[in-house]
C-alpha atoms as a PDB file:
ATOM      1  CA  MET A   1      12.153   0.357  32.885  1.00  0.00           C
ATOM      2  CA  TYR A   2       8.825  -1.350  33.604  1.00  0.00           C
ATOM      3  CA  THR A   3       6.428  -1.151  36.541  1.00  0.00           C
ATOM      4  CA  VAL A   4       5.185  -4.627  37.450  1.00  0.00           C
ATOM      5  CA  PHE A   5       2.483  -5.641  39.920  1.00  0.00           C
ATOM      6  CA  LEU A   6       3.439  -8.805  41.799  1.00  0.00           C
ATOM      7  CA  ILE A   7       0.393 -10.639  43.116  1.00  0.00           C
ATOM      8  CA  ALA A   8       1.209 -13.298  45.717  1.00  0.00           C
ATOM      9  CA  THR A   9       0.206 -14.398  49.204  1.00  0.00           C
ATOM     10  CA  HIS A  10       2.735 -16.820  50.624  1.00  0.00           C
ATOM     11  CA  GLY A  11       6.055 -15.864  52.163  1.00  0.00           C
ATOM     12  CA  ASN A  12       8.083 -18.791  50.891  1.00  0.00           C
ATOM     13  CA  GLY A  13      10.214 -17.549  47.992  1.00  0.00           C
ATOM     14  CA  LEU A  14       8.549 -14.126  47.925  1.00  0.00           C
ATOM     15  CA  HIS A  15      11.676 -12.329  49.085  1.00  0.00           C
ATOM     16  CA  GLY A  16      13.643 -13.942  46.249  1.00  0.00           C
ATOM     17  CA  LEU A  17      11.098 -12.765  43.681  1.00  0.00           C
ATOM     18  CA  LEU A  18      11.203  -9.197  44.951  1.00  0.00           C
ATOM     19  CA  GLU A  19      15.003  -9.266  45.041  1.00  0.00           C
ATOM     20  CA  THR A  20      15.218 -10.491  41.441  1.00  0.00           C
ATOM     21  CA  MET A  21      12.783  -7.801  40.310  1.00  0.00           C
ATOM     22  CA  SER A  22      14.875  -5.164  42.068  1.00  0.00           C
ATOM     23  CA  ARG A  23      18.106  -6.409  40.437  1.00  0.00           C
ATOM     24  CA  ALA A  24      16.356  -6.268  37.064  1.00  0.00           C
ATOM     25  CA  GLY A  25      15.621  -2.579  37.638  1.00  0.00           C
ATOM     26  CA  LEU A  26      11.869  -3.088  37.785  1.00  0.00           C
ATOM     27  CA  SER A  27       9.558  -0.861  39.766  1.00  0.00           C
ATOM     28  CA  CYS A  28       7.395  -3.176  41.843  1.00  0.00           C
ATOM     29  CA  LEU A  29       3.861  -2.908  43.183  1.00  0.00           C
ATOM     30  CA  PHE A  30       2.669  -5.676  45.476  1.00  0.00           C
ATOM     31  CA  GLY A  31      -0.669  -7.132  46.558  1.00  0.00           C
ATOM     32  CA  SER A  32      -2.485 -10.355  47.304  1.00  0.00           C
ATOM     33  CA  GLU A  33      -5.852  -9.778  45.598  1.00  0.00           C
ATOM     34  CA  PHE A  34      -6.998  -8.989  42.073  1.00  0.00           C
ATOM     35  CA  SER A  35      -9.011  -6.027  43.369  1.00  0.00           C
ATOM     36  CA  GLN A  36      -5.690  -4.343  44.211  1.00  0.00           C
ATOM     37  CA  VAL A  37      -4.535  -4.866  40.626  1.00  0.00           C
ATOM     38  CA  ALA A  38      -7.762  -3.331  39.350  1.00  0.00           C
ATOM     39  CA  ASP A  39      -7.368  -0.350  41.696  1.00  0.00           C
ATOM     40  CA  ALA A  40      -3.783   0.212  40.502  1.00  0.00           C
ATOM     41  CA  ALA A  41      -4.833  -0.028  36.842  1.00  0.00           C
ATOM     42  CA  GLY A  42      -7.546   2.566  37.370  1.00  0.00           C
ATOM     43  CA  SER A  43      -5.447   4.953  39.427  1.00  0.00           C
ATOM     44  CA  ASP A  44      -4.158   8.205  37.984  1.00  0.00           C
ATOM     45  CA  GLN A  45      -1.282   8.031  40.448  1.00  0.00           C
ATOM     46  CA  SER A  46       0.326   4.816  39.245  1.00  0.00           C
ATOM     47  CA  HIS A  47       1.275   3.186  35.952  1.00  0.00           C
ATOM     48  CA  MET A  48       1.401  -0.584  35.500  1.00  0.00           C
ATOM     49  CA  ASP A  49       2.989  -2.366  32.519  1.00  0.00           C
ATOM     50  CA  ALA A  50       2.431  -5.991  33.514  1.00  0.00           C
ATOM     51  CA  VAL A  51       1.328  -8.356  36.281  1.00  0.00           C
ATOM     52  CA  MET A  52       3.440 -11.161  37.715  1.00  0.00           C
ATOM     53  CA  LEU A  53       1.250 -13.882  39.202  1.00  0.00           C
ATOM     54  CA  ASP A  54       2.829 -16.331  41.630  1.00  0.00           C
ATOM     55  CA  VAL A  55       0.817 -19.461  40.795  1.00  0.00           C
ATOM     56  CA  ALA A  56       2.020 -21.181  43.978  1.00  0.00           C
ATOM     57  CA  SER A  57       0.039 -18.630  45.999  1.00  0.00           C
ATOM     58  CA  PHE A  58      -3.414 -19.469  44.624  1.00  0.00           C
ATOM     59  CA  PRO A  59      -5.603 -22.411  43.596  1.00  0.00           C
ATOM     60  CA  GLN A  60      -5.826 -23.026  39.854  1.00  0.00           C
ATOM     61  CA  THR A  61      -9.349 -21.588  39.554  1.00  0.00           C
ATOM     62  CA  GLU A  62      -8.323 -18.381  41.269  1.00  0.00           C
ATOM     63  CA  CYS A  63      -5.268 -18.073  38.996  1.00  0.00           C
ATOM     64  CA  GLN A  64      -7.559 -18.374  35.982  1.00  0.00           C
ATOM     65  CA  ASN A  65      -9.911 -15.744  37.406  1.00  0.00           C
ATOM     66  CA  ILE A  66      -7.032 -13.332  38.064  1.00  0.00           C
ATOM     67  CA  ILE A  67      -5.705 -13.792  34.526  1.00  0.00           C
ATOM     68  CA  ALA A  68      -9.189 -13.303  33.047  1.00  0.00           C
ATOM     69  CA  GLY A  69      -9.577 -10.095  35.056  1.00  0.00           C
ATOM     70  CA  CYS A  70      -6.207  -8.802  33.858  1.00  0.00           C
ATOM     71  CA  ARG A  71      -7.218  -9.561  30.270  1.00  0.00           C
ATOM     72  CA  ASP A  72     -10.294  -7.383  30.742  1.00  0.00           C
ATOM     73  CA  LEU A  73      -7.934  -4.621  31.898  1.00  0.00           C
ATOM     74  CA  LYS A  74      -5.659  -5.239  28.865  1.00  0.00           C
ATOM     75  CA  VAL A  75      -2.737  -5.853  31.244  1.00  0.00           C
ATOM     76  CA  PRO A  76      -0.335  -8.697  30.311  1.00  0.00           C
ATOM     77  CA  VAL A  77       0.178 -11.471  32.866  1.00  0.00           C
ATOM     78  CA  LEU A  78       3.402 -13.346  33.537  1.00  0.00           C
ATOM     79  CA  ALA A  79       2.919 -16.552  35.568  1.00  0.00           C
ATOM     80  CA  VAL A  80       5.730 -17.411  37.972  1.00  0.00           C
ATOM     81  CA  VAL A  81       6.045 -21.204  38.269  1.00  0.00           C
ATOM     82  CA  PRO A  82       8.319 -22.708  40.945  1.00  0.00           C
ATOM     83  CA  ASN A  83      10.811 -25.067  39.331  1.00  0.00           C
ATOM     84  CA  GLU A  84       9.900 -27.857  41.726  1.00  0.00           C
ATOM     85  CA  SER A  85       6.226 -27.567  40.718  1.00  0.00           C
ATOM     86  CA  LEU A  86       6.778 -27.646  36.966  1.00  0.00           C
ATOM     87  CA  GLN A  87       5.322 -31.152  36.553  1.00  0.00           C
ATOM     88  CA  GLU A  88       2.064 -29.972  38.153  1.00  0.00           C
ATOM     89  CA  TYR A  89       1.732 -26.845  36.000  1.00  0.00           C
ATOM     90  CA  ASP A  90      -1.593 -26.779  34.164  1.00  0.00           C
ATOM     91  CA  PRO A  91      -1.406 -25.006  30.764  1.00  0.00           C
ATOM     92  CA  SER A  92      -5.139 -24.218  30.960  1.00  0.00           C
ATOM     93  CA  ILE A  93      -4.171 -21.386  33.314  1.00  0.00           C
ATOM     94  CA  ASN A  94      -3.081 -19.765  30.034  1.00  0.00           C
ATOM     95  CA  PRO A  95      -1.099 -16.646  31.011  1.00  0.00           C
ATOM     96  CA  ASP A  96       0.432 -14.397  28.367  1.00  0.00           C
ATOM     97  CA  GLU A  97       3.888 -15.652  29.362  1.00  0.00           C
ATOM     98  CA  PHE A  98       5.443 -17.706  32.151  1.00  0.00           C
ATOM     99  CA  ILE A  99       8.826 -18.082  33.818  1.00  0.00           C
ATOM    100  CA  LEU A 100      10.371 -20.627  36.163  1.00  0.00           C
ATOM    101  CA  SER A 101      11.479 -19.546  39.622  1.00  0.00           C
ATOM    102  CA  PRO A 102      14.240 -19.078  40.702  1.00  0.00           C
ATOM    103  CA  MET A 103      14.963 -16.904  37.677  1.00  0.00           C
ATOM    104  CA  HIS A 104      17.657 -14.664  36.223  1.00  0.00           C
ATOM    105  CA  GLN A 105      16.852 -10.969  36.050  1.00  0.00           C
ATOM    106  CA  ASP A 106      17.775 -10.693  32.352  1.00  0.00           C
ATOM    107  CA  GLU A 107      15.391 -13.509  31.416  1.00  0.00           C
ATOM    108  CA  LEU A 108      12.684 -11.906  33.542  1.00  0.00           C
ATOM    109  CA  VAL A 109      12.926  -8.620  31.626  1.00  0.00           C
ATOM    110  CA  VAL A 110      12.816 -10.394  28.251  1.00  0.00           C
ATOM    111  CA  ARG A 111       9.739 -12.397  29.235  1.00  0.00           C
ATOM    112  CA  ILE A 112       7.989  -9.270  30.494  1.00  0.00           C
ATOM    113  CA  LYS A 113       8.717  -7.620  27.143  1.00  0.00           C
ATOM    114  CA  GLN A 114       7.302 -10.676  25.362  1.00  0.00           C
ATOM    115  CA  ALA A 115       4.116 -10.603  27.450  1.00  0.00           C
ATOM    116  CA  ILE A 116       3.640  -6.887  26.752  1.00  0.00           C
ATOM    117  CA  TYR A 117       4.173  -7.460  23.026  1.00  0.00           C
ATOM    118  CA  ARG A 118       1.572 -10.236  22.932  1.00  0.00           C
ATOM    119  CA  VAL A 119      -1.054  -8.019  24.520  1.00  0.00           C
ATOM    120  CA  SER A 120      -0.201  -4.546  23.195  1.00  0.00           C
ATOM    121  CA  GLY A 121       1.561  -5.316  19.938  1.00  0.00           C
ATOM    122  CA  PRO A 122       4.683  -3.578  18.648  1.00  0.00           C
ATOM    123  CA  SER A 123       5.900  -0.393  20.268  1.00  0.00           C
ATOM    124  CA  GLY A 124       6.676   2.705  18.291  1.00  0.00           C
ATOM    125  CA  ALA A 125       5.732   6.329  17.814  1.00  0.00           C
ATOM    126  CA  GLU A 126       3.440   5.682  14.847  1.00  0.00           C
ATOM    127  CA  LEU A 127       0.755   3.477  16.355  1.00  0.00           C
ATOM    128  CA  LEU A 128      -3.011   3.414  16.122  1.00  0.00           C
ATOM    129  CA  LYS A 129      -4.630   1.505  18.989  1.00  0.00           C
ATOM    130  CA  MET A 130      -8.298   0.594  19.132  1.00  0.00           C
ATOM    131  CA  GLY A 131      -8.857  -1.907  21.927  1.00  0.00           C
ATOM    132  CA  ASP A 132      -7.174  -5.171  20.928  1.00  0.00           C
ATOM    133  CA  LEU A 133      -6.354  -3.835  17.461  1.00  0.00           C
ATOM    134  CA  VAL A 134      -2.925  -2.214  17.017  1.00  0.00           C
ATOM    135  CA  ILE A 135      -1.731  -0.734  13.719  1.00  0.00           C
ATOM    136  CA  ASP A 136       1.961   0.117  13.318  1.00  0.00           C
ATOM    137  CA  LEU A 137       2.064   2.749  10.581  1.00  0.00           C
ATOM    138  CA  GLU A 138       5.849   2.673  10.348  1.00  0.00           C
ATOM    139  CA  LYS A 139       6.305  -1.087  10.035  1.00  0.00           C
ATOM    140  CA  TYR A 140       3.021  -1.813   8.220  1.00  0.00           C
ATOM    141  CA  ASP A 141       2.166  -4.327  10.939  1.00  0.00           C
ATOM    142  CA  VAL A 142      -1.275  -5.098  12.326  1.00  0.00           C
ATOM    143  CA  MET A 143      -1.766  -6.959  15.614  1.00  0.00           C
ATOM    144  CA  MET A 144      -5.096  -8.296  16.828  1.00  0.00           C
ATOM    145  CA  ALA A 145      -5.238  -9.499  20.452  1.00  0.00           C
ATOM    146  CA  GLY A 146      -1.458  -9.961  20.388  1.00  0.00           C
ATOM    147  CA  LYS A 147      -1.394 -11.927  17.118  1.00  0.00           C
ATOM    148  CA  ARG A 148      -0.064 -10.607  13.833  1.00  0.00           C
ATOM    149  CA  VAL A 149      -2.630 -10.169  11.063  1.00  0.00           C
ATOM    150  CA  SER A 150      -1.481 -10.586   7.469  1.00  0.00           C
ATOM    151  CA  LEU A 151      -3.007  -7.915   5.220  1.00  0.00           C
ATOM    152  CA  THR A 152      -2.451  -6.997   1.598  1.00  0.00           C
ATOM    153  CA  TYR A 153      -1.168  -3.495   0.936  1.00  0.00           C
ATOM    154  CA  LYS A 154      -4.609  -2.263  -0.178  1.00  0.00           C
ATOM    155  CA  GLU A 155      -6.275  -3.835   2.850  1.00  0.00           C
ATOM    156  CA  PHE A 156      -3.737  -2.081   5.073  1.00  0.00           C
ATOM    157  CA  GLN A 157      -4.325   1.269   3.353  1.00  0.00           C
ATOM    158  CA  LEU A 158      -8.079   0.849   3.671  1.00  0.00           C
ATOM    159  CA  LEU A 159      -7.820  -0.024   7.363  1.00  0.00           C
ATOM    160  CA  VAL A 160      -5.532   2.927   8.118  1.00  0.00           C
ATOM    161  CA  MET A 161      -7.810   5.378   6.346  1.00  0.00           C
ATOM    162  CA  LEU A 162     -10.893   4.222   8.241  1.00  0.00           C
ATOM    163  CA  ALA A 163      -9.174   3.809  11.617  1.00  0.00           C
ATOM    164  CA  SER A 164      -7.432   7.195  11.432  1.00  0.00           C
ATOM    165  CA  ASN A 165     -10.808   8.925  11.513  1.00  0.00           C
ATOM    166  CA  PRO A 166     -13.169   6.851  13.679  1.00  0.00           C
ATOM    167  CA  GLY A 167     -16.786   7.878  13.372  1.00  0.00           C
ATOM    168  CA  ARG A 168     -16.344   9.534   9.978  1.00  0.00           C
ATOM    169  CA  VAL A 169     -18.449   8.034   7.184  1.00  0.00           C
ATOM    170  CA  TYR A 170     -16.584   7.398   3.927  1.00  0.00           C
ATOM    171  CA  SER A 171     -18.521   6.862   0.734  1.00  0.00           C
ATOM    172  CA  ARG A 172     -17.432   4.054  -1.559  1.00  0.00           C
ATOM    173  CA  ASP A 173     -16.412   6.624  -4.171  1.00  0.00           C
ATOM    174  CA  VAL A 174     -14.155   8.452  -1.715  1.00  0.00           C
ATOM    175  CA  LEU A 175     -12.544   5.220  -0.543  1.00  0.00           C
ATOM    176  CA  LEU A 176     -12.044   4.101  -4.099  1.00  0.00           C
ATOM    177  CA  SER A 177     -10.376   7.353  -5.129  1.00  0.00           C
ATOM    178  CA  GLN A 178      -8.233   7.713  -1.996  1.00  0.00           C
ATOM    179  CA  VAL A 179      -7.028   4.105  -1.732  1.00  0.00           C
ATOM    180  CA  TRP A 180      -6.986   3.013  -5.365  1.00  0.00           C
ATOM    181  CA  GLY A 181      -6.569   6.366  -7.106  1.00  0.00           C
ATOM    182  CA  TYR A 182      -8.749   8.459  -9.355  1.00  0.00           C
ATOM    183  CA  ASP A 183      -7.567   6.617 -12.440  1.00  0.00           C
ATOM    184  CA  TYR A 184      -8.616   3.201 -11.144  1.00  0.00           C
ATOM    185  CA  LEU A 185     -10.888   1.512 -13.657  1.00  0.00           C
ATOM    186  CA  GLY A 186     -12.648  -0.854 -11.257  1.00  0.00           C
ATOM    187  CA  GLY A 187     -16.053  -0.150  -9.756  1.00  0.00           C
ATOM    188  CA  THR A 188     -17.075   0.520  -6.175  1.00  0.00           C
ATOM    189  CA  ARG A 189     -17.707  -3.203  -5.693  1.00  0.00           C
ATOM    190  CA  THR A 190     -13.914  -3.417  -5.252  1.00  0.00           C
ATOM    191  CA  VAL A 191     -14.338  -1.500  -1.992  1.00  0.00           C
ATOM    192  CA  ASP A 192     -17.017  -3.897  -0.737  1.00  0.00           C
ATOM    193  CA  VAL A 193     -14.851  -6.927  -1.547  1.00  0.00           C
ATOM    194  CA  HIS A 194     -11.845  -5.497   0.307  1.00  0.00           C
ATOM    195  CA  VAL A 195     -13.928  -4.456   3.318  1.00  0.00           C
ATOM    196  CA  ARG A 196     -15.350  -7.981   3.503  1.00  0.00           C
ATOM    197  CA  ARG A 197     -11.859  -9.497   3.400  1.00  0.00           C
ATOM    198  CA  LEU A 198     -10.592  -7.001   5.961  1.00  0.00           C
ATOM    199  CA  ARG A 199     -13.434  -7.809   8.339  1.00  0.00           C
ATOM    200  CA  SER A 200     -12.724 -11.526   8.042  1.00  0.00           C
ATOM    201  CA  LYS A 201      -9.167 -10.893   9.235  1.00  0.00           C
ATOM    202  CA  ILE A 202      -9.646  -8.429  12.103  1.00  0.00           C
ATOM    203  CA  GLU A 203     -13.179  -9.105  13.358  1.00  0.00           C
ATOM    204  CA  ASP A 204     -14.796 -11.925  15.274  1.00  0.00           C
ATOM    205  CA  PRO A 205     -17.918 -12.280  17.455  1.00  0.00           C
ATOM    206  CA  ASP A 206     -16.205 -10.265  20.216  1.00  0.00           C
ATOM    207  CA  HIS A 207     -14.609  -7.597  18.020  1.00  0.00           C
ATOM    208  CA  SER A 208     -16.431  -5.446  15.491  1.00  0.00           C
ATOM    209  CA  PHE A 209     -14.704  -2.394  14.031  1.00  0.00           C
ATOM    210  CA  ILE A 210     -16.151  -1.466  10.646  1.00  0.00           C
ATOM    211  CA  GLU A 211     -19.779  -0.386  10.255  1.00  0.00           C
ATOM    212  CA  THR A 212     -21.712  -0.430   6.997  1.00  0.00           C
ATOM    213  CA  ILE A 213     -23.696   2.721   6.323  1.00  0.00           C
ATOM    214  CA  TRP A 214     -26.301   1.505   3.880  1.00  0.00           C
ATOM    215  CA  ASN A 215     -26.394   3.192   0.483  1.00  0.00           C
ATOM    216  CA  VAL A 216     -23.398   5.325   1.474  1.00  0.00           C
ATOM    217  CA  GLY A 217     -20.263   3.482   2.537  1.00  0.00           C
ATOM    218  CA  TYR A 218     -18.388   2.614   5.720  1.00  0.00           C
ATOM    219  CA  ARG A 219     -17.066   4.032   8.951  1.00  0.00           C
ATOM    220  CA  PHE A 220     -14.778   2.848  11.721  1.00  0.00           C
ATOM    221  CA  LYS A 221     -16.477   2.660  15.102  1.00  0.00           C
ATOM    222  CA  SER A 222     -15.519   5.405  17.512  1.00  0.00           C
ATOM    223  CA  PRO A 223     -13.747   4.115  20.636  1.00  0.00           C
ATOM    224  CA  ASN A 224     -15.935   3.930  23.731  1.00  0.00           C
END
């Protein structure tokens, strides 16, 4: 099952949260500061699948800061909202998922799975992961920052070829022959058009994956 870091400060209702997590079969880490989350994420001794943030424990600004920090760590955040405080819940806190407390353990597990999916994409043995970009080779799915990206078959093939060998430079001729086939009658401009379309779907000002090597072709950026 999953290991979840519960971040909270107040005692009211905390025992109930821990009890529900235990009944759900979750392994629980606990702390009251984001720095403890960061330490756990960077530790070789512990594994953390998600963070549960008790929003009743912190001011709104601090909740937003904790969630932003978890996003930098690529750890999904589940906000726990007390049922009696639902009318005061501010959606600008913007966690990956939220759940009302008191909660049922089965619902808790499902919502944790949903939060993990939104951040990490689909699970499976045949995955390529490059930061926020996840490519499922078995299901032909591409997720970018937790959102599904719709690609044509050729765009998917092109992406897989480049991403499978980050740092390797592919000439337009090689890409054309490998993705479209040696008997394809189109010119290398076909490659440029598809790369441009692919970039428009998976890249933005904060995410750049495909580099142009002038007069040669393209390469996928090596992970840092």
